[in-house]
Each structure stands twice: as structure tokens, then as C-alpha cells.
C-alpha atoms as a PDB file:
ATOM      1  CA  MET A   1     -65.432 -23.412  70.754  1.00  0.00           C
ATOM      2  CA  SER A   2     -67.368 -24.089  67.524  1.00  0.00           C
ATOM      3  CA  GLY A   3     -65.240 -26.998  66.325  1.00  0.00           C
ATOM      4  CA  GLU A   4     -61.869 -25.365  67.018  1.00  0.00           C
ATOM      5  CA  ARG A   5     -59.243 -27.134  69.082  1.00  0.00           C
ATOM      6  CA  VAL A   6     -59.062 -26.161  72.731  1.00  0.00           C
ATOM      7  CA  ARG A   7     -55.593 -24.742  73.355  1.00  0.00           C
ATOM      8  CA  VAL A   8     -54.145 -26.005  76.635  1.00  0.00           C
ATOM      9  CA  ILE A   9     -51.011 -25.640  78.735  1.00  0.00           C
ATOM     10  CA  VAL A  10     -50.054 -28.362  81.223  1.00  0.00           C
ATOM     11  CA  VAL A  11     -48.475 -27.233  84.489  1.00  0.00           C
ATOM     12  CA  ASP A  12     -47.030 -29.880  86.813  1.00  0.00           C
ATOM     13  CA  ASP A  13     -43.656 -30.153  88.544  1.00  0.00           C
ATOM     14  CA  HIS A  14     -43.598 -33.955  88.165  1.00  0.00           C
ATOM     15  CA  THR A  15     -42.035 -34.657  84.787  1.00  0.00           C
ATOM     16  CA  VAL A  16     -43.542 -38.130  84.381  1.00  0.00           C
ATOM     17  CA  MET A  17     -47.044 -36.966  85.301  1.00  0.00           C
ATOM     18  CA  ARG A  18     -46.778 -33.975  82.976  1.00  0.00           C
ATOM     19  CA  ALA A  19     -45.563 -36.152  80.120  1.00  0.00           C
ATOM     20  CA  GLY A  20     -48.401 -38.593  80.744  1.00  0.00           C
ATOM     21  CA  VAL A  21     -51.032 -35.890  80.600  1.00  0.00           C
ATOM     22  CA  VAL A  22     -49.518 -34.462  77.429  1.00  0.00           C
ATOM     23  CA  ALA A  23     -49.498 -37.921  75.856  1.00  0.00           C
ATOM     24  CA  LEU A  24     -53.154 -38.434  76.752  1.00  0.00           C
ATOM     25  CA  LEU A  25     -54.273 -35.110  75.363  1.00  0.00           C
ATOM     26  CA  GLY A  26     -51.790 -34.459  72.585  1.00  0.00           C
ATOM     27  CA  THR A  27     -52.475 -33.744  68.950  1.00  0.00           C
ATOM     28  CA  GLY A  28     -53.586 -36.752  66.954  1.00  0.00           C
ATOM     29  CA  THR A  29     -55.498 -38.440  69.772  1.00  0.00           C
ATOM     30  CA  GLY A  30     -58.896 -37.217  68.595  1.00  0.00           C
ATOM     31  CA  THR A  31     -59.506 -35.150  71.712  1.00  0.00           C
ATOM     32  CA  GLY A  32     -60.019 -31.800  70.027  1.00  0.00           C
ATOM     33  CA  ILE A  33     -57.254 -30.480  72.282  1.00  0.00           C
ATOM     34  CA  GLU A  34     -53.934 -28.884  71.338  1.00  0.00           C
ATOM     35  CA  ILE A  35     -51.121 -28.732  73.913  1.00  0.00           C
ATOM     36  CA  VAL A  36     -49.393 -25.396  73.305  1.00  0.00           C
ATOM     37  CA  GLY A  37     -46.990 -25.453  76.253  1.00  0.00           C
ATOM     38  CA  GLU A  38     -45.696 -27.189  79.374  1.00  0.00           C
ATOM     39  CA  ALA A  39     -44.388 -25.760  82.639  1.00  0.00           C
ATOM     40  CA  ALA A  40     -42.897 -27.197  85.818  1.00  0.00           C
ATOM     41  CA  ASP A  41     -43.845 -24.318  88.122  1.00  0.00           C
ATOM     42  CA  GLY A  42     -46.327 -21.489  88.417  1.00  0.00           C
ATOM     43  CA  ARG A  43     -43.979 -18.702  87.363  1.00  0.00           C
ATOM     44  CA  ALA A  44     -43.160 -20.485  84.115  1.00  0.00           C
ATOM     45  CA  ALA A  45     -46.885 -21.121  83.642  1.00  0.00           C
ATOM     46  CA  LEU A  46     -47.635 -17.405  83.780  1.00  0.00           C
ATOM     47  CA  GLU A  47     -45.056 -16.780  81.067  1.00  0.00           C
ATOM     48  CA  LEU A  48     -46.725 -19.421  78.897  1.00  0.00           C
ATOM     49  CA  VAL A  49     -50.171 -17.936  79.432  1.00  0.00           C
ATOM     50  CA  GLU A  50     -48.891 -14.499  78.487  1.00  0.00           C
ATOM     51  CA  ARG A  51     -47.179 -15.875  75.388  1.00  0.00           C
ATOM     52  CA  TYR A  52     -49.844 -18.266  74.069  1.00  0.00           C
ATOM     53  CA  GLU A  53     -53.134 -17.121  75.630  1.00  0.00           C
ATOM     54  CA  PRO A  54     -54.436 -20.695  75.965  1.00  0.00           C
ATOM     55  CA  ASP A  55     -58.091 -21.482  76.491  1.00  0.00           C
ATOM     56  CA  VAL A  56     -57.351 -23.674  79.512  1.00  0.00           C
ATOM     57  CA  ALA A  57     -54.456 -23.981  81.944  1.00  0.00           C
ATOM     58  CA  LEU A  58     -54.322 -27.440  83.514  1.00  0.00           C
ATOM     59  CA  VAL A  59     -52.570 -26.704  86.813  1.00  0.00           C
ATOM     60  CA  ASP A  60     -51.190 -28.881  89.615  1.00  0.00           C
ATOM     61  CA  LEU A  61     -51.815 -27.637  93.147  1.00  0.00           C
ATOM     62  CA  ARG A  62     -48.443 -28.056  94.861  1.00  0.00           C
ATOM     63  CA  MET A  63     -45.470 -26.779  92.876  1.00  0.00           C
ATOM     64  CA  PRO A  64     -42.220 -24.930  93.527  1.00  0.00           C
ATOM     65  CA  VAL A  65     -41.636 -21.199  92.927  1.00  0.00           C
ATOM     66  CA  LEU A  66     -45.371 -20.419  92.687  1.00  0.00           C
ATOM     67  CA  ASP A  67     -47.959 -22.959  93.803  1.00  0.00           C
ATOM     68  CA  GLY A  68     -51.229 -23.773  92.083  1.00  0.00           C
ATOM     69  CA  VAL A  69     -53.381 -21.432  94.168  1.00  0.00           C
ATOM     70  CA  ALA A  70     -51.109 -18.441  93.615  1.00  0.00           C
ATOM     71  CA  THR A  71     -50.811 -19.323  89.930  1.00  0.00           C
ATOM     72  CA  THR A  72     -54.577 -19.543  89.609  1.00  0.00           C
ATOM     73  CA  THR A  73     -55.047 -16.182  91.335  1.00  0.00           C
ATOM     74  CA  GLU A  74     -52.569 -14.534  88.953  1.00  0.00           C
ATOM     75  CA  ILE A  75     -54.070 -16.063  85.823  1.00  0.00           C
ATOM     76  CA  VAL A  76     -57.618 -15.133  86.802  1.00  0.00           C
ATOM     77  CA  ALA A  77     -56.575 -11.559  87.565  1.00  0.00           C
ATOM     78  CA  ARG A  78     -54.305 -10.960  84.587  1.00  0.00           C
ATOM     79  CA  PHE A  79     -55.554 -13.292  81.870  1.00  0.00           C
ATOM     80  CA  PRO A  80     -59.331 -13.738  82.312  1.00  0.00           C
ATOM     81  CA  ARG A  81     -59.657 -15.391  78.903  1.00  0.00           C
ATOM     82  CA  THR A  82     -57.730 -18.424  80.186  1.00  0.00           C
ATOM     83  CA  ARG A  83     -59.680 -20.820  82.399  1.00  0.00           C
ATOM     84  CA  VAL A  84     -57.817 -22.606  85.160  1.00  0.00           C
ATOM     85  CA  LEU A  85     -58.582 -26.276  85.743  1.00  0.00           C
ATOM     86  CA  ILE A  86     -56.793 -27.743  88.749  1.00  0.00           C
ATOM     87  CA  LEU A  87     -55.583 -31.335  88.410  1.00  0.00           C
ATOM     88  CA  THR A  88     -54.134 -32.682  91.651  1.00  0.00           C
ATOM     89  CA  THR A  89     -53.916 -35.606  94.049  1.00  0.00           C
ATOM     90  CA  TYR A  90     -55.100 -33.497  97.003  1.00  0.00           C
ATOM     91  CA  ASP A  91     -58.757 -33.647  97.983  1.00  0.00           C
ATOM     92  CA  THR A  92     -58.818 -32.190 101.509  1.00  0.00           C
ATOM     93  CA  ASP A  93     -61.486 -29.601 102.268  1.00  0.00           C
ATOM     94  CA  ALA A  94     -58.879 -26.879 102.775  1.00  0.00           C
ATOM     95  CA  GLU A  95     -57.098 -27.559  99.469  1.00  0.00           C
ATOM     96  CA  ILE A  96     -60.346 -27.711  97.514  1.00  0.00           C
ATOM     97  CA  GLU A  97     -61.682 -24.478  98.974  1.00  0.00           C
ATOM     98  CA  ARG A  98     -58.409 -22.665  98.355  1.00  0.00           C
ATOM     99  CA  GLY A  99     -58.453 -23.698  94.715  1.00  0.00           C
ATOM    100  CA  VAL A 100     -62.076 -22.737  94.145  1.00  0.00           C
ATOM    101  CA  GLU A 101     -61.756 -19.445  95.986  1.00  0.00           C
ATOM    102  CA  ALA A 102     -58.668 -18.566  93.930  1.00  0.00           C
ATOM    103  CA  GLY A 103     -60.896 -18.633  90.861  1.00  0.00           C
ATOM    104  CA  ALA A 104     -60.321 -22.063  89.329  1.00  0.00           C
ATOM    105  CA  ILE A 105     -63.212 -23.040  87.093  1.00  0.00           C
ATOM    106  CA  GLY A 106     -62.739 -26.687  88.003  1.00  0.00           C
ATOM    107  CA  TYR A 107     -61.031 -29.092  90.368  1.00  0.00           C
ATOM    108  CA  LEU A 108     -60.164 -32.609  89.247  1.00  0.00           C
ATOM    109  CA  LEU A 109     -58.196 -35.421  90.858  1.00  0.00           C
ATOM    110  CA  LYS A 110     -55.401 -37.311  89.141  1.00  0.00           C
ATOM    111  CA  ASP A 111     -57.368 -40.545  89.165  1.00  0.00           C
ATOM    112  CA  THR A 112     -59.706 -38.921  86.629  1.00  0.00           C
ATOM    113  CA  SER A 113     -60.131 -41.002  83.482  1.00  0.00           C
ATOM    114  CA  ARG A 114     -58.934 -39.803  80.090  1.00  0.00           C
ATOM    115  CA  GLU A 115     -62.496 -39.380  78.869  1.00  0.00           C
ATOM    116  CA  GLN A 116     -63.473 -37.387  81.956  1.00  0.00           C
ATOM    117  CA  LEU A 117     -60.415 -35.188  81.635  1.00  0.00           C
ATOM    118  CA  VAL A 118     -61.064 -34.451  77.973  1.00  0.00           C
ATOM    119  CA  ASP A 119     -64.711 -33.633  78.678  1.00  0.00           C
ATOM    120  CA  ALA A 120     -63.709 -31.427  81.612  1.00  0.00           C
ATOM    121  CA  ILE A 121     -61.242 -29.433  79.524  1.00  0.00           C
ATOM    122  CA  HIS A 122     -63.849 -28.775  76.840  1.00  0.00           C
ATOM    123  CA  ALA A 123     -66.400 -27.809  79.492  1.00  0.00           C
ATOM    124  CA  ALA A 124     -63.916 -25.460  81.153  1.00  0.00           C
ATOM    125  CA  ALA A 125     -63.163 -23.831  77.808  1.00  0.00           C
ATOM    126  CA  ARG A 126     -66.897 -23.146  77.453  1.00  0.00           C
ATOM    127  CA  GLY A 127     -66.922 -21.484  80.865  1.00  0.00           C
ATOM    128  CA  GLU A 128     -68.581 -24.351  82.721  1.00  0.00           C
ATOM    129  CA  THR A 129     -67.639 -25.313  86.261  1.00  0.00           C
ATOM    130  CA  VAL A 130     -66.182 -28.824  86.539  1.00  0.00           C
ATOM    131  CA  LEU A 131     -65.736 -30.696  89.813  1.00  0.00           C
ATOM    132  CA  ALA A 132     -64.673 -34.286  90.338  1.00  0.00           C
ATOM    133  CA  PRO A 133     -67.588 -36.149  91.977  1.00  0.00           C
ATOM    134  CA  ARG A 134     -65.611 -36.719  95.173  1.00  0.00           C
ATOM    135  CA  VAL A 135     -64.683 -33.048  95.304  1.00  0.00           C
ATOM    136  CA  ALA A 136     -68.277 -31.945  94.797  1.00  0.00           C
ATOM    137  CA  GLU A 137     -69.435 -34.277  97.553  1.00  0.00           C
ATOM    138  CA  ARG A 138     -66.867 -32.892  99.995  1.00  0.00           C
ATOM    139  CA  LEU A 139     -67.748 -29.291  99.221  1.00  0.00           C
ATOM    140  CA  VAL A 140     -71.451 -29.894  99.548  1.00  0.00           C
ATOM    141  CA  ALA A 141     -71.001 -31.884 102.759  1.00  0.00           C
ATOM    142  CA  ARG A 142     -68.873 -29.117 104.265  1.00  0.00           C
ATOM    143  CA  MET A 143     -71.370 -26.418 103.438  1.00  0.00           C
ATOM    144  CA  ARG A 144     -74.487 -28.481 104.075  1.00  0.00           C
ATOM    145  CA  GLN A 145     -77.165 -26.884 106.186  1.00  0.00           C
ATOM    146  CA  PRO A 146     -80.675 -28.145 107.031  1.00  0.00           C
ATOM    147  CA  ALA A 147     -82.430 -29.081 103.802  1.00  0.00           C
ATOM    148  CA  GLN A 148     -85.214 -26.562 104.325  1.00  0.00           C
ATOM    149  CA  ALA A 149     -82.933 -23.637 105.233  1.00  0.00           C
ATOM    150  CA  PRO A 150     -84.156 -20.578 103.297  1.00  0.00           C
ATOM    151  CA  LEU A 151     -82.035 -19.148 100.524  1.00  0.00           C
ATOM    152  CA  THR A 152     -80.608 -15.693 101.048  1.00  0.00           C
ATOM    153  CA  ALA A 153     -81.645 -12.898  98.696  1.00  0.00           C
ATOM    154  CA  ARG A 154     -78.324 -13.154  96.876  1.00  0.00           C
ATOM    155  CA  GLU A 155     -78.583 -16.948  96.556  1.00  0.00           C
ATOM    156  CA  THR A 156     -82.049 -16.479  95.062  1.00  0.00           C
ATOM    157  CA  ASP A 157     -80.625 -13.933  92.597  1.00  0.00           C
ATOM    158  CA  VAL A 158     -77.967 -16.447  91.556  1.00  0.00           C
ATOM    159  CA  LEU A 159     -80.527 -19.224  91.204  1.00  0.00           C
ATOM    160  CA  ASN A 160     -82.764 -17.023  89.055  1.00  0.00           C
ATOM    161  CA  ALA A 161     -79.788 -16.336  86.814  1.00  0.00           C
ATOM    162  CA  VAL A 162     -79.087 -20.068  86.581  1.00  0.00           C
ATOM    163  CA  ALA A 163     -82.711 -20.583  85.555  1.00  0.00           C
ATOM    164  CA  ASP A 164     -82.169 -17.958  82.850  1.00  0.00           C
ATOM    165  CA  GLY A 165     -79.371 -20.124  81.459  1.00  0.00           C
ATOM    166  CA  LEU A 166     -76.430 -17.905  82.392  1.00  0.00           C
ATOM    167  CA  THR A 167     -72.897 -19.175  82.977  1.00  0.00           C
ATOM    168  CA  ASN A 168     -71.031 -18.282  86.164  1.00  0.00           C
ATOM    169  CA  ALA A 169     -69.207 -15.476  84.376  1.00  0.00           C
ATOM    170  CA  GLU A 170     -72.486 -14.074  83.025  1.00  0.00           C
ATOM    171  CA  ILE A 171     -74.087 -14.304  86.472  1.00  0.00           C
ATOM    172  CA  GLY A 172     -71.139 -12.407  87.914  1.00  0.00           C
ATOM    173  CA  ARG A 173     -71.581  -9.640  85.369  1.00  0.00           C
ATOM    174  CA  ARG A 174     -75.328  -9.447  85.953  1.00  0.00           C
ATOM    175  CA  LEU A 175     -74.986  -9.270  89.737  1.00  0.00           C
ATOM    176  CA  VAL A 176     -71.688  -7.331  89.708  1.00  0.00           C
ATOM    177  CA  ILE A 177     -69.869  -9.944  91.792  1.00  0.00           C
ATOM    178  CA  ALA A 178     -66.744 -12.033  91.221  1.00  0.00           C
ATOM    179  CA  GLU A 179     -67.093 -15.376  89.462  1.00  0.00           C
ATOM    180  CA  ALA A 180     -65.538 -17.074  92.502  1.00  0.00           C
ATOM    181  CA  THR A 181     -68.299 -15.523  94.641  1.00  0.00           C
ATOM    182  CA  VAL A 182     -70.903 -16.916  92.249  1.00  0.00           C
ATOM    183  CA  LYS A 183     -69.411 -20.395  92.759  1.00  0.00           C
ATOM    184  CA  THR A 184     -69.587 -19.983  96.530  1.00  0.00           C
ATOM    185  CA  HIS A 185     -73.252 -18.973  96.361  1.00  0.00           C
ATOM    186  CA  LEU A 186     -73.961 -21.945  94.087  1.00  0.00           C
ATOM    187  CA  LEU A 187     -72.324 -24.392  96.474  1.00  0.00           C
ATOM    188  CA  ARG A 188     -74.261 -22.990  99.422  1.00  0.00           C
ATOM    189  CA  LEU A 189     -77.609 -23.127  97.637  1.00  0.00           C
ATOM    190  CA  PHE A 190     -76.796 -26.655  96.400  1.00  0.00           C
ATOM    191  CA  ALA A 191     -76.314 -27.638 100.041  1.00  0.00           C
ATOM    192  CA  LYS A 192     -79.536 -25.968 101.151  1.00  0.00           C
ATOM    193  CA  LEU A 193     -81.532 -27.598  98.361  1.00  0.00           C
ATOM    194  CA  ASP A 194     -79.689 -30.915  98.843  1.00  0.00           C
ATOM    195  CA  VAL A 195     -78.720 -31.188  95.165  1.00  0.00           C
ATOM    196  CA  ASN A 196     -75.471 -31.675  93.255  1.00  0.00           C
ATOM    197  CA  ASP A 197     -76.031 -29.814  89.987  1.00  0.00           C
ATOM    198  CA  ARG A 198     -77.569 -26.660  88.545  1.00  0.00           C
ATOM    199  CA  THR A 199     -80.454 -28.255  86.671  1.00  0.00           C
ATOM    200  CA  ARG A 200     -81.603 -30.175  89.744  1.00  0.00           C
ATOM    201  CA  ALA A 201     -81.328 -26.981  91.819  1.00  0.00           C
ATOM    202  CA  VAL A 202     -83.784 -25.220  89.520  1.00  0.00           C
ATOM    203  CA  VAL A 203     -86.190 -28.182  89.570  1.00  0.00           C
ATOM    204  CA  VAL A 204     -86.136 -28.470  93.382  1.00  0.00           C
ATOM    205  CA  ALA A 205     -86.481 -24.708  93.779  1.00  0.00           C
ATOM    206  CA  MET A 206     -89.581 -24.766  91.587  1.00  0.00           C
ATOM    207  CA  GLU A 207     -90.993 -27.679  93.577  1.00  0.00           C
ATOM    208  CA  ARG A 208     -90.505 -25.702  96.803  1.00  0.00           C
ATOM    209  CA  GLY A 209     -91.907 -22.505  95.351  1.00  0.00           C
ATOM    210  CA  VAL A 210     -88.589 -20.667  95.528  1.00  0.00           C
ATOM    211  CA  LEU A 211     -88.739 -20.162  91.758  1.00  0.00           C
ATOM    212  CA  PRO A 212     -91.891 -19.878  89.645  1.00  0.00           C
ATOM    213  CA  ARG A 213     -92.904 -22.911  87.607  1.00  0.00           C
ATOM    214  CA  GLY A 214     -91.622 -22.773  84.070  1.00  0.00           C
ATOM    215  CA  SER A 215     -88.182 -21.391  84.949  1.00  0.00           C
ATOM    216  CA  ARG A 216     -85.548 -23.060  82.823  1.00  0.00           C
ATOM    217  CA  GLY A 217     -82.053 -24.177  83.743  1.00  0.00           C
ATOM    218  CA  SER A 218     -79.346 -24.575  81.151  1.00  0.00           C
ATOM    219  CA  GLY A 219     -77.034 -26.749  83.242  1.00  0.00           C
ATOM    220  CA  ARG A 220     -74.105 -24.592  82.115  1.00  0.00           C
ATOM    221  CA  GLY A 221     -71.158 -23.308  84.123  1.00  0.00           C
END
């Protein structure tokens, strides 16, 4: 974002929660974030995205009119410039997978600290995937296979792209697959390599001979 403020809309049907998030992130708090709109449901959120083209939409999962998953799907399809970061109280496997598969770039829980939330919004604006630690653990645990399970050809392609320093969006373009599919491949190869982040995945893959020594991982996306 090269020093510019990250433009954000906050979408949550709970007025108090929405006001609290806005207060935490609002102008003048030194966060580098500008709140350009608020919405209490997904339909209103889509109107805000169309009007303001924010960098990040901070979206609750369960809302009236149009829920967070449907809202995320619409934003990803119609407004690819806007990244969706889910902020919710729900951390069940089913809810997490629905959010990720809809195309959200991140999934955070409402017990996230102010500092973590600010960092996550900036990371999302840069196109980096952001998962709350508890969410990442649940996803990895659900997809975990034997540690030595071989990577598929496509998982190896994704890992090579990670080693080249590409973001999820760039990997998708290189391999001609959806960004959500890239995330799924990443989660599966994380489980197979028994790691929790991209940089560690590259290191372990080199140690096992899956990637040649000297491959580099950027840790992005």
C-alpha cells in the first residue's frame, strides 16, 4: 500500500460490535486504516463495496438478508480488488471451511487483539492470507494426513510458486486456478508437511528433497 491508508468497510449486524471495531480502527488512532463505510447486512455491504471500492471488507459471518459467506462470494466475484477478511465468533470446522472456500483472504475471531486485527487488515490489503492461530490449527488438524504422505503434482506446483515468492493471487494466475483453490492446496500441503506457514513449508520441502536446495520462500499470501 506504499504508505497509503488502507480503506476498509465494517460489516456486522451487531451495532455495538460494529461501533467497537470502528472505534478501534478509526481515523486518528495511528492504524493506517480509514473506515469508509459501515453495513449491518451483506446486501448493504455490497452496495458499499460498489460505491467506495475499499481495499478490505471486514465481514461478520452470520447476518440477516445476506450472510457472510454469500457476501464474500459476491464480493470476490464482482469486486476482486476488495479483499474479504471474516471477523466472527464462530470457529467450527464447517464455518471456517465455508468462509475460506467462498474466497475470504482471512478468517479471524472476535477475541483478536487490536494489534492483531490492524496487522491482519494490512496483510489482507497486500494480498496475504491471514488466519487466527486457532483457525489455522483446526484447518490443519482437519486436513492432516500422515506426515510423509507425498505431495500431489498440483501441490508441488503450488509449493514451487510459493518458493518463487508469489502471492496466492499470483499463484492462481500462474497455474490458472482460483485463489480459493490455491488456499486449499496450501492447507493440504501444510498438513502433509506438518507445518503452519509458507516459509516453513519451503524449508521442510527442501529438507525432504521435494524442492531443490536454494529455493526461496517469501512468506507472503
